[in-house]
C-alpha atoms as a PDB file:
ATOM      1  CA  MET A   1      38.851  18.772 -28.976  1.00  0.00           C
ATOM      2  CA  ARG A   2      38.510  19.000 -32.813  1.00  0.00           C
ATOM      3  CA  LEU A   3      35.703  18.837 -35.290  1.00  0.00           C
ATOM      4  CA  ASP A   4      37.681  18.394 -38.435  1.00  0.00           C
ATOM      5  CA  GLY A   5      35.603  17.220 -41.386  1.00  0.00           C
ATOM      6  CA  LYS A   6      32.316  17.440 -39.472  1.00  0.00           C
ATOM      7  CA  LYS A   7      29.354  19.141 -41.091  1.00  0.00           C
ATOM      8  CA  ALA A   8      27.287  21.295 -38.861  1.00  0.00           C
ATOM      9  CA  VAL A   9      23.985  23.252 -39.087  1.00  0.00           C
ATOM     10  CA  VAL A  10      23.300  26.055 -36.676  1.00  0.00           C
ATOM     11  CA  THR A  11      19.898  27.712 -36.772  1.00  0.00           C
ATOM     12  CA  GLY A  12      19.426  31.398 -35.780  1.00  0.00           C
ATOM     13  CA  ALA A  13      23.099  31.843 -36.610  1.00  0.00           C
ATOM     14  CA  GLY A  14      22.930  35.211 -38.159  1.00  0.00           C
ATOM     15  CA  ARG A  15      23.572  37.011 -34.950  1.00  0.00           C
ATOM     16  CA  GLY A  16      23.890  36.690 -31.184  1.00  0.00           C
ATOM     17  CA  ILE A  17      24.569  33.262 -29.463  1.00  0.00           C
ATOM     18  CA  GLY A  18      23.889  31.393 -32.666  1.00  0.00           C
ATOM     19  CA  LYS A  19      26.563  33.342 -34.562  1.00  0.00           C
ATOM     20  CA  THR A  20      29.113  32.672 -31.738  1.00  0.00           C
ATOM     21  CA  ILE A  21      28.287  28.919 -31.778  1.00  0.00           C
ATOM     22  CA  ALA A  22      28.721  28.745 -35.547  1.00  0.00           C
ATOM     23  CA  THR A  23      31.940  30.627 -35.298  1.00  0.00           C
ATOM     24  CA  ARG A  24      33.332  28.401 -32.582  1.00  0.00           C
ATOM     25  CA  LEU A  25      32.391  25.175 -34.462  1.00  0.00           C
ATOM     26  CA  ALA A  26      34.123  26.498 -37.550  1.00  0.00           C
ATOM     27  CA  SER A  27      37.255  27.438 -35.565  1.00  0.00           C
ATOM     28  CA  LEU A  28      37.504  23.758 -34.496  1.00  0.00           C
ATOM     29  CA  GLY A  29      37.304  22.516 -38.096  1.00  0.00           C
ATOM     30  CA  ALA A  30      33.648  22.022 -38.835  1.00  0.00           C
ATOM     31  CA  ASP A  31      32.081  23.125 -42.120  1.00  0.00           C
ATOM     32  CA  VAL A  32      29.123  25.211 -41.030  1.00  0.00           C
ATOM     33  CA  ALA A  33      25.682  25.879 -42.572  1.00  0.00           C
ATOM     34  CA  ILE A  34      24.536  29.301 -41.303  1.00  0.00           C
ATOM     35  CA  VAL A  35      20.663  29.202 -41.201  1.00  0.00           C
ATOM     36  CA  ASP A  36      18.604  32.241 -40.400  1.00  0.00           C
ATOM     37  CA  ILE A  37      15.222  33.755 -41.287  1.00  0.00           C
ATOM     38  CA  ASP A  38      17.274  36.913 -42.112  1.00  0.00           C
ATOM     39  CA  GLY A  39      19.275  36.145 -45.158  1.00  0.00           C
ATOM     40  CA  GLU A  40      21.326  39.284 -44.865  1.00  0.00           C
ATOM     41  CA  THR A  41      22.704  38.528 -41.382  1.00  0.00           C
ATOM     42  CA  ALA A  42      23.212  34.867 -42.423  1.00  0.00           C
ATOM     43  CA  GLY A  43      25.227  35.925 -45.349  1.00  0.00           C
ATOM     44  CA  SER A  44      27.371  38.337 -43.332  1.00  0.00           C
ATOM     45  CA  THR A  45      28.103  35.686 -40.674  1.00  0.00           C
ATOM     46  CA  ALA A  46      29.035  33.156 -43.380  1.00  0.00           C
ATOM     47  CA  ALA A  47      31.343  35.676 -45.021  1.00  0.00           C
ATOM     48  CA  GLU A  48      32.982  36.510 -41.684  1.00  0.00           C
ATOM     49  CA  ILE A  49      33.672  32.884 -40.925  1.00  0.00           C
ATOM     50  CA  ALA A  50      34.812  32.141 -44.495  1.00  0.00           C
ATOM     51  CA  SER A  51      37.318  35.051 -44.255  1.00  0.00           C
ATOM     52  CA  THR A  52      39.176  32.934 -41.650  1.00  0.00           C
ATOM     53  CA  GLY A  53      39.661  30.142 -44.134  1.00  0.00           C
ATOM     54  CA  ALA A  54      36.763  27.963 -42.799  1.00  0.00           C
ATOM     55  CA  THR A  55      33.827  26.764 -44.861  1.00  0.00           C
ATOM     56  CA  ALA A  56      30.576  28.494 -44.137  1.00  0.00           C
ATOM     57  CA  ILE A  57      27.463  28.706 -46.323  1.00  0.00           C
ATOM     58  CA  ALA A  58      24.353  30.928 -45.659  1.00  0.00           C
ATOM     59  CA  TYR A  59      20.797  29.744 -45.985  1.00  0.00           C
ATOM     60  CA  GLU A  60      17.765  31.896 -45.583  1.00  0.00           C
ATOM     61  CA  LEU A  61      15.030  29.833 -43.952  1.00  0.00           C
ATOM     62  CA  ASP A  62      11.861  30.194 -41.960  1.00  0.00           C
ATOM     63  CA  ILE A  63      12.093  27.080 -39.723  1.00  0.00           C
ATOM     64  CA  THR A  64       8.374  26.971 -39.185  1.00  0.00           C
ATOM     65  CA  ASP A  65       7.867  26.048 -42.879  1.00  0.00           C
ATOM     66  CA  THR A  66       7.924  22.321 -42.812  1.00  0.00           C
ATOM     67  CA  GLU A  67       8.264  21.683 -46.520  1.00  0.00           C
ATOM     68  CA  ARG A  68      10.845  24.329 -46.957  1.00  0.00           C
ATOM     69  CA  VAL A  69      12.936  23.048 -44.050  1.00  0.00           C
ATOM     70  CA  ALA A  70      12.961  19.533 -45.647  1.00  0.00           C
ATOM     71  CA  ALA A  71      14.144  20.968 -49.010  1.00  0.00           C
ATOM     72  CA  VAL A  72      16.831  23.274 -47.494  1.00  0.00           C
ATOM     73  CA  PHE A  73      18.263  20.609 -45.240  1.00  0.00           C
ATOM     74  CA  LYS A  74      18.463  18.242 -48.206  1.00  0.00           C
ATOM     75  CA  GLY A  75      20.462  20.937 -50.034  1.00  0.00           C
ATOM     76  CA  ILE A  76      22.713  21.584 -47.002  1.00  0.00           C
ATOM     77  CA  ALA A  77      23.614  17.869 -46.871  1.00  0.00           C
ATOM     78  CA  GLU A  78      24.458  17.942 -50.610  1.00  0.00           C
ATOM     79  CA  ASP A  79      26.415  21.160 -50.363  1.00  0.00           C
ATOM     80  CA  LEU A  80      28.470  20.191 -47.351  1.00  0.00           C
ATOM     81  CA  GLY A  81      28.755  16.509 -48.181  1.00  0.00           C
ATOM     82  CA  GLY A  82      26.782  15.243 -45.144  1.00  0.00           C
ATOM     83  CA  LEU A  83      25.330  16.378 -41.921  1.00  0.00           C
ATOM     84  CA  ASP A  84      26.909  15.487 -38.489  1.00  0.00           C
ATOM     85  CA  ILE A  85      25.732  18.195 -36.062  1.00  0.00           C
ATOM     86  CA  LEU A  86      22.482  20.104 -35.641  1.00  0.00           C
ATOM     87  CA  VAL A  87      22.336  22.944 -33.205  1.00  0.00           C
ATOM     88  CA  ASN A  88      18.724  24.054 -32.776  1.00  0.00           C
ATOM     89  CA  ASN A  89      19.369  27.710 -31.586  1.00  0.00           C
ATOM     90  CA  ALA A  90      16.711  29.726 -33.384  1.00  0.00           C
ATOM     91  CA  GLY A  91      14.140  31.189 -31.027  1.00  0.00           C
ATOM     92  CA  LEU A  92      12.225  34.311 -30.019  1.00  0.00           C
ATOM     93  CA  THR A  93      10.394  35.806 -27.135  1.00  0.00           C
ATOM     94  CA  ARG A  94       7.012  37.566 -26.834  1.00  0.00           C
ATOM     95  CA  ASP A  95       6.833  38.369 -23.114  1.00  0.00           C
ATOM     96  CA  ASN A  96       3.718  39.353 -21.172  1.00  0.00           C
ATOM     97  CA  LEU A  97       1.830  38.390 -18.005  1.00  0.00           C
ATOM     98  CA  PHE A  98      -0.227  35.338 -18.499  1.00  0.00           C
ATOM     99  CA  LEU A  99      -3.606  36.997 -18.428  1.00  0.00           C
ATOM    100  CA  ARG A 100      -2.392  39.656 -20.878  1.00  0.00           C
ATOM    101  CA  MET A 101      -0.720  37.282 -23.245  1.00  0.00           C
ATOM    102  CA  SER A 102      -2.380  37.037 -26.679  1.00  0.00           C
ATOM    103  CA  SER A 103      -3.084  33.802 -28.487  1.00  0.00           C
ATOM    104  CA  ASN A 104      -1.048  35.044 -31.363  1.00  0.00           C
ATOM    105  CA  ASP A 105       2.052  35.592 -29.136  1.00  0.00           C
ATOM    106  CA  TRP A 106       1.625  32.147 -27.557  1.00  0.00           C
ATOM    107  CA  ASP A 107       1.346  30.462 -31.027  1.00  0.00           C
ATOM    108  CA  LEU A 108       4.227  32.288 -32.556  1.00  0.00           C
ATOM    109  CA  VAL A 109       6.656  31.346 -29.712  1.00  0.00           C
ATOM    110  CA  MET A 110       5.609  27.747 -29.902  1.00  0.00           C
ATOM    111  CA  GLN A 111       5.854  27.597 -33.702  1.00  0.00           C
ATOM    112  CA  VAL A 112       9.426  28.988 -33.805  1.00  0.00           C
ATOM    113  CA  ASN A 113      10.899  27.604 -30.554  1.00  0.00           C
ATOM    114  CA  LEU A 114       9.356  24.213 -30.517  1.00  0.00           C
ATOM    115  CA  LYS A 115       7.907  23.264 -34.016  1.00  0.00           C
ATOM    116  CA  GLY A 116      10.959  24.837 -35.658  1.00  0.00           C
ATOM    117  CA  ALA A 117      13.202  22.526 -33.693  1.00  0.00           C
ATOM    118  CA  PHE A 118      10.890  19.577 -34.525  1.00  0.00           C
ATOM    119  CA  ASN A 119      11.028  20.368 -38.295  1.00  0.00           C
ATOM    120  CA  CYS A 120      14.880  20.801 -38.320  1.00  0.00           C
ATOM    121  CA  THR A 121      15.504  17.673 -36.236  1.00  0.00           C
ATOM    122  CA  ARG A 122      13.278  15.562 -38.425  1.00  0.00           C
ATOM    123  CA  ALA A 123      15.081  16.902 -41.493  1.00  0.00           C
ATOM    124  CA  ALA A 124      18.567  16.355 -40.112  1.00  0.00           C
ATOM    125  CA  VAL A 125      18.064  12.885 -38.447  1.00  0.00           C
ATOM    126  CA  ARG A 126      17.544  11.133 -41.821  1.00  0.00           C
ATOM    127  CA  PRO A 127      21.114  11.478 -43.091  1.00  0.00           C
ATOM    128  CA  MET A 128      22.441  10.933 -39.601  1.00  0.00           C
ATOM    129  CA  MET A 129      20.529   7.614 -39.512  1.00  0.00           C
ATOM    130  CA  SER A 130      22.098   6.618 -42.775  1.00  0.00           C
ATOM    131  CA  GLN A 131      25.669   7.235 -41.505  1.00  0.00           C
ATOM    132  CA  ARG A 132      24.808   5.878 -38.077  1.00  0.00           C
ATOM    133  CA  SER A 133      26.102   8.866 -36.177  1.00  0.00           C
ATOM    134  CA  GLY A 134      25.088  12.410 -35.306  1.00  0.00           C
ATOM    135  CA  ARG A 135      24.884  15.118 -32.671  1.00  0.00           C
ATOM    136  CA  ILE A 136      21.688  17.084 -31.967  1.00  0.00           C
ATOM    137  CA  ILE A 137      22.054  19.991 -29.500  1.00  0.00           C
ATOM    138  CA  ASN A 138      19.085  22.102 -28.511  1.00  0.00           C
ATOM    139  CA  ILE A 139      19.443  25.471 -26.967  1.00  0.00           C
ATOM    140  CA  ALA A 140      16.873  25.596 -24.168  1.00  0.00           C
ATOM    141  CA  SER A 141      16.805  27.859 -21.216  1.00  0.00           C
ATOM    142  CA  VAL A 142      16.849  27.811 -17.334  1.00  0.00           C
ATOM    143  CA  VAL A 143      13.301  29.145 -17.527  1.00  0.00           C
ATOM    144  CA  GLY A 144      12.274  25.832 -19.118  1.00  0.00           C
ATOM    145  CA  LEU A 145      13.307  24.232 -15.852  1.00  0.00           C
ATOM    146  CA  VAL A 146      11.895  26.644 -13.343  1.00  0.00           C
ATOM    147  CA  GLY A 147       9.442  28.930 -15.240  1.00  0.00           C
ATOM    148  CA  ASN A 148       9.490  32.690 -15.184  1.00  0.00           C
ATOM    149  CA  VAL A 149       6.958  35.490 -14.577  1.00  0.00           C
ATOM    150  CA  GLY A 150       5.808  36.994 -17.876  1.00  0.00           C
ATOM    151  CA  GLN A 151       7.276  34.247 -19.978  1.00  0.00           C
ATOM    152  CA  ALA A 152       4.616  31.438 -19.923  1.00  0.00           C
ATOM    153  CA  ASN A 153       4.952  30.891 -23.675  1.00  0.00           C
ATOM    154  CA  TYR A 154       8.709  30.944 -23.719  1.00  0.00           C
ATOM    155  CA  ALA A 155       9.094  28.729 -20.660  1.00  0.00           C
ATOM    156  CA  ALA A 156       6.539  26.269 -21.965  1.00  0.00           C
ATOM    157  CA  SER A 157       8.360  26.155 -25.350  1.00  0.00           C
ATOM    158  CA  LYS A 158      11.794  25.557 -23.716  1.00  0.00           C
ATOM    159  CA  ALA A 159      10.340  22.898 -21.388  1.00  0.00           C
ATOM    160  CA  GLY A 160       8.894  21.183 -24.366  1.00  0.00           C
ATOM    161  CA  LEU A 161      12.271  21.357 -26.127  1.00  0.00           C
ATOM    162  CA  ILE A 162      13.869  19.647 -23.123  1.00  0.00           C
ATOM    163  CA  ALA A 163      11.305  16.874 -23.314  1.00  0.00           C
ATOM    164  CA  LEU A 164      11.811  16.554 -27.074  1.00  0.00           C
ATOM    165  CA  THR A 165      15.541  16.235 -26.493  1.00  0.00           C
ATOM    166  CA  LYS A 166      15.077  13.360 -24.035  1.00  0.00           C
ATOM    167  CA  THR A 167      12.730  11.507 -26.409  1.00  0.00           C
ATOM    168  CA  ILE A 168      15.114  11.950 -29.460  1.00  0.00           C
ATOM    169  CA  ALA A 169      17.886  10.573 -27.351  1.00  0.00           C
ATOM    170  CA  LYS A 170      15.795   7.443 -26.531  1.00  0.00           C
ATOM    171  CA  GLU A 171      14.532   6.922 -30.027  1.00  0.00           C
ATOM    172  CA  PHE A 172      17.804   7.330 -31.967  1.00  0.00           C
ATOM    173  CA  GLY A 173      20.491   6.268 -29.538  1.00  0.00           C
ATOM    174  CA  GLY A 174      20.639   2.895 -31.251  1.00  0.00           C
ATOM    175  CA  ARG A 175      21.889   4.666 -34.352  1.00  0.00           C
ATOM    176  CA  ASN A 176      24.639   6.358 -32.384  1.00  0.00           C
ATOM    177  CA  ILE A 177      22.869   9.689 -32.490  1.00  0.00           C
ATOM    178  CA  THR A 178      23.047  11.681 -29.363  1.00  0.00           C
ATOM    179  CA  ALA A 179      20.682  14.497 -28.275  1.00  0.00           C
ATOM    180  CA  ASN A 180      21.340  16.982 -25.456  1.00  0.00           C
ATOM    181  CA  ALA A 181      19.958  20.340 -24.438  1.00  0.00           C
ATOM    182  CA  VAL A 182      21.983  23.362 -23.169  1.00  0.00           C
ATOM    183  CA  ALA A 183      20.036  25.609 -20.737  1.00  0.00           C
ATOM    184  CA  PRO A 184      21.652  29.056 -20.523  1.00  0.00           C
ATOM    185  CA  GLY A 185      20.868  31.498 -17.724  1.00  0.00           C
ATOM    186  CA  PHE A 186      21.674  35.265 -18.011  1.00  0.00           C
ATOM    187  CA  ILE A 187      24.015  35.675 -20.955  1.00  0.00           C
ATOM    188  CA  GLU A 188      25.567  38.955 -22.192  1.00  0.00           C
ATOM    189  CA  THR A 189      23.454  39.726 -25.195  1.00  0.00           C
ATOM    190  CA  PRO A 190      22.080  43.053 -26.584  1.00  0.00           C
ATOM    191  CA  MET A 191      18.922  42.310 -24.684  1.00  0.00           C
ATOM    192  CA  THR A 192      20.576  41.920 -21.233  1.00  0.00           C
ATOM    193  CA  GLU A 193      22.930  44.751 -22.011  1.00  0.00           C
ATOM    194  CA  SER A 194      19.941  47.164 -22.422  1.00  0.00           C
ATOM    195  CA  LEU A 195      18.690  46.395 -18.867  1.00  0.00           C
ATOM    196  CA  PRO A 196      19.010  49.187 -16.321  1.00  0.00           C
ATOM    197  CA  GLU A 197      22.164  48.901 -14.215  1.00  0.00           C
ATOM    198  CA  LYS A 198      20.148  48.270 -11.024  1.00  0.00           C
ATOM    199  CA  ALA A 199      18.288  45.415 -12.613  1.00  0.00           C
ATOM    200  CA  ARG A 200      21.523  43.936 -13.925  1.00  0.00           C
ATOM    201  CA  ALA A 201      23.076  44.129 -10.400  1.00  0.00           C
ATOM    202  CA  ASP A 202      19.971  42.546  -8.911  1.00  0.00           C
ATOM    203  CA  PHE A 203      19.996  39.615 -11.345  1.00  0.00           C
ATOM    204  CA  ALA A 204      23.835  39.174 -10.961  1.00  0.00           C
ATOM    205  CA  SER A 205      23.410  39.002  -7.130  1.00  0.00           C
ATOM    206  CA  LYS A 206      21.296  35.864  -7.544  1.00  0.00           C
ATOM    207  CA  ILE A 207      24.032  34.113  -9.520  1.00  0.00           C
ATOM    208  CA  SER A 208      26.708  32.231  -7.643  1.00  0.00           C
ATOM    209  CA  LEU A 209      29.489  33.583  -9.808  1.00  0.00           C
ATOM    210  CA  ARG A 210      28.064  37.096  -9.550  1.00  0.00           C
ATOM    211  CA  ARG A 211      28.202  37.716 -13.215  1.00  0.00           C
ATOM    212  CA  PHE A 212      26.361  37.023 -16.542  1.00  0.00           C
ATOM    213  CA  GLY A 213      27.804  34.433 -18.798  1.00  0.00           C
ATOM    214  CA  SER A 214      29.267  35.080 -22.235  1.00  0.00           C
ATOM    215  CA  PRO A 215      28.055  33.708 -25.673  1.00  0.00           C
ATOM    216  CA  LEU A 216      31.509  32.129 -25.983  1.00  0.00           C
ATOM    217  CA  GLU A 217      30.985  30.117 -22.790  1.00  0.00           C
ATOM    218  CA  VAL A 218      27.766  28.805 -24.185  1.00  0.00           C
ATOM    219  CA  ALA A 219      29.433  27.992 -27.511  1.00  0.00           C
ATOM    220  CA  ASN A 220      32.311  26.087 -25.729  1.00  0.00           C
ATOM    221  CA  LEU A 221      29.682  23.858 -24.088  1.00  0.00           C
ATOM    222  CA  VAL A 222      27.929  23.202 -27.407  1.00  0.00           C
ATOM    223  CA  ALA A 223      31.343  22.444 -29.104  1.00  0.00           C
ATOM    224  CA  PHE A 224      32.091  19.895 -26.354  1.00  0.00           C
ATOM    225  CA  LEU A 225      28.787  18.178 -26.834  1.00  0.00           C
ATOM    226  CA  ALA A 226      29.373  18.110 -30.576  1.00  0.00           C
ATOM    227  CA  SER A 227      32.815  16.485 -30.183  1.00  0.00           C
ATOM    228  CA  ASP A 228      33.952  12.907 -29.817  1.00  0.00           C
ATOM    229  CA  GLU A 229      34.755  13.634 -26.158  1.00  0.00           C
ATOM    230  CA  ALA A 230      31.014  13.651 -25.480  1.00  0.00           C
ATOM    231  CA  ASP A 231      30.361  10.240 -27.038  1.00  0.00           C
ATOM    232  CA  TYR A 232      28.631   8.797 -23.951  1.00  0.00           C
ATOM    233  CA  ILE A 233      26.487  11.849 -23.083  1.00  0.00           C
ATOM    234  CA  THR A 234      22.909  11.830 -24.315  1.00  0.00           C
ATOM    235  CA  GLY A 235      19.437  12.794 -23.038  1.00  0.00           C
ATOM    236  CA  GLN A 236      20.898  15.492 -20.754  1.00  0.00           C
ATOM    237  CA  THR A 237      20.031  18.996 -19.980  1.00  0.00           C
ATOM    238  CA  ILE A 238      23.063  20.990 -18.943  1.00  0.00           C
ATOM    239  CA  SER A 239      22.490  24.320 -17.266  1.00  0.00           C
ATOM    240  CA  ILE A 240      25.089  26.937 -17.921  1.00  0.00           C
ATOM    241  CA  ASP A 241      23.955  29.640 -15.536  1.00  0.00           C
ATOM    242  CA  GLY A 242      26.887  30.445 -13.181  1.00  0.00           C
ATOM    243  CA  GLY A 243      25.053  28.647 -10.365  1.00  0.00           C
ATOM    244  CA  MET A 244      21.832  30.684 -10.671  1.00  0.00           C
ATOM    245  CA  LEU A 245      19.770  27.490  -9.995  1.00  0.00           C
END
């Protein structure tokens, strides 16, 4: 499974799962655009990847800014010499019980998690159409499939992202562009690491494999969907949750 010569964009790649995805794609031969609203972390990730001999370029970008997204993605395609893979990973949470959730927190999560993916996909799909090939991989969540207490905004945004994935797959399949969603469950991140030990044990007990997943395991699934081995997979939502569902 190789990605030699492929040009990839990963949003929210300055840290966390996005950084691991970008690093994994680069390790398989892809040239990677590191997109993040935090230019400093984007630059640090790009430098770290470039130190291995791979090509990585950092771009500071607020993905909710439609015009700016179009301009930056045009620049990415020029800088990298094309665009083959888009990973819509950028996202955030603003958790609260439904009756306590503010309109601002609802709107912000929808803007970043859903509209941001819309903006980036629309910008990326144009060069993909011209070359009649492409991979769009959206990082959703198991809560987009089953919901979750205190995450009405996040769950709705991820459910919307799954529906967007299926629609993109239908509209652009004729141009050999695939679109799939990855739905992680509990993954080892700074957020889950900060949970009390009792809470971690309780969550793990509900997972068939009795452990949280790793960012690299998510990245490996993304890399597979980006590769030629996944040519005939599109419109799918693949849960990576250790059997939690």
